[in-house]
């Protein structure tokens, strides 16, 4: 479990997308900081007004923005862009 690991070194590049009003924002930011501290390439996106269930509303502007960002990160990881 990454939260209990003494070091996160060696993990693959990580993409984190979180909303500013998500209940888990503090944990997501802490995880991103620890990844960066341990030398892991991390991409963190914090969306203003975005909440934990935003993907359940795919027609909302903020959900579309988050989905595009996630898709692009996946395509980068697969070296398709």
Protein backbone atom coordinates (compact mmCIF):
# COMPACT_ATOMS: atom_id res chain seq x y z
CA UNK A 1 0.00 0.00 0.00
CA UNK A 2 1.64 3.25 -1.12
CA UNK A 3 0.38 5.22 1.89
CA UNK A 4 2.41 3.00 4.21
CA UNK A 5 5.52 2.67 2.04
CA UNK A 6 8.72 4.19 3.37
CA UNK A 7 9.66 5.20 -0.17
CA UNK A 8 7.73 5.52 -3.41
CA UNK A 9 10.90 5.53 -5.52
CA UNK A 10 10.70 3.27 -8.50
CA UNK A 11 7.00 3.73 -9.13
CA UNK A 12 6.02 4.62 -12.69
CA UNK A 13 5.08 8.16 -13.71
CA UNK A 14 1.79 9.02 -12.05
CA UNK A 15 -1.18 11.14 -13.10
CA UNK A 16 -3.47 12.48 -10.38
CA UNK A 17 -6.67 14.40 -11.04
CA UNK A 18 -8.63 15.80 -8.11
CA UNK A 19 -11.24 18.42 -7.50
CA UNK A 20 -10.84 21.32 -5.12
CA UNK A 21 -13.91 20.22 -3.17
CA UNK A 22 -13.20 16.48 -3.31
CA UNK A 23 -13.14 14.88 0.14
CA UNK A 24 -9.79 13.25 -0.69
CA UNK A 25 -7.94 16.35 -1.88
CA UNK A 26 -5.56 16.48 1.08
CA UNK A 27 -4.56 12.84 0.59
CA UNK A 28 -4.11 13.31 -3.17
CA UNK A 29 -1.85 16.33 -2.71
CA UNK A 30 0.16 14.59 0.00
CA UNK A 31 0.59 11.53 -2.26
CA UNK A 32 1.72 13.74 -5.16
CA UNK A 33 4.23 15.51 -2.91
CA UNK A 34 5.63 12.21 -1.65
CA UNK A 35 5.94 10.85 -5.18
CA UNK A 36 7.81 13.97 -6.28
CA UNK A 37 10.03 13.88 -3.19
CA UNK A 38 10.96 10.27 -3.99
CA UNK A 39 11.86 11.16 -7.57
CA UNK A 40 8.75 9.87 -9.33
CA UNK A 41 7.47 11.93 -12.23
CA UNK A 42 4.01 13.12 -11.16
CA UNK A 43 1.39 15.19 -12.93
CA UNK A 44 -1.19 16.71 -10.58
CA UNK A 45 -4.35 18.46 -11.77
CA UNK A 46 -6.58 20.23 -9.25
CA UNK A 47 -9.86 21.40 -10.75
CA UNK A 48 -11.71 24.27 -9.04
CA UNK A 49 -15.21 23.24 -8.01
CA UNK A 50 -14.69 19.66 -9.14
CA UNK A 51 -16.01 17.06 -6.69
CA UNK A 52 -15.51 13.31 -6.22
CA UNK A 53 -18.56 12.32 -8.28
CA UNK A 54 -17.87 14.67 -11.18
CA UNK A 55 -17.25 11.80 -13.65
CA UNK A 56 -20.82 10.65 -12.98
CA UNK A 57 -21.97 13.81 -14.79
CA UNK A 58 -20.24 13.40 -18.19
CA UNK A 59 -22.03 16.35 -19.81
CA UNK A 60 -20.79 18.87 -17.25
CA UNK A 61 -17.99 21.14 -18.48
CA UNK A 62 -15.65 20.24 -15.64
CA UNK A 63 -16.18 16.52 -16.24
CA UNK A 64 -15.35 16.89 -19.92
CA UNK A 65 -12.21 18.85 -19.10
CA UNK A 66 -11.08 16.22 -16.61
CA UNK A 67 -11.83 13.38 -19.02
CA UNK A 68 -9.79 15.03 -21.80
CA UNK A 69 -6.87 15.53 -19.44
CA UNK A 70 -7.01 11.92 -18.23
CA UNK A 71 -7.25 10.59 -21.77
CA UNK A 72 -4.25 12.65 -22.87
CA UNK A 73 -2.20 11.41 -19.90
CA UNK A 74 -3.03 7.81 -20.82
CA UNK A 75 -2.12 8.37 -24.46
CA UNK A 76 1.21 9.92 -23.36
CA UNK A 77 1.91 6.94 -21.10
CA UNK A 78 1.24 4.57 -24.01
CA UNK A 79 3.45 6.76 -26.21
CA UNK A 80 0.63 7.35 -28.68
CA UNK A 81 1.06 11.13 -28.74
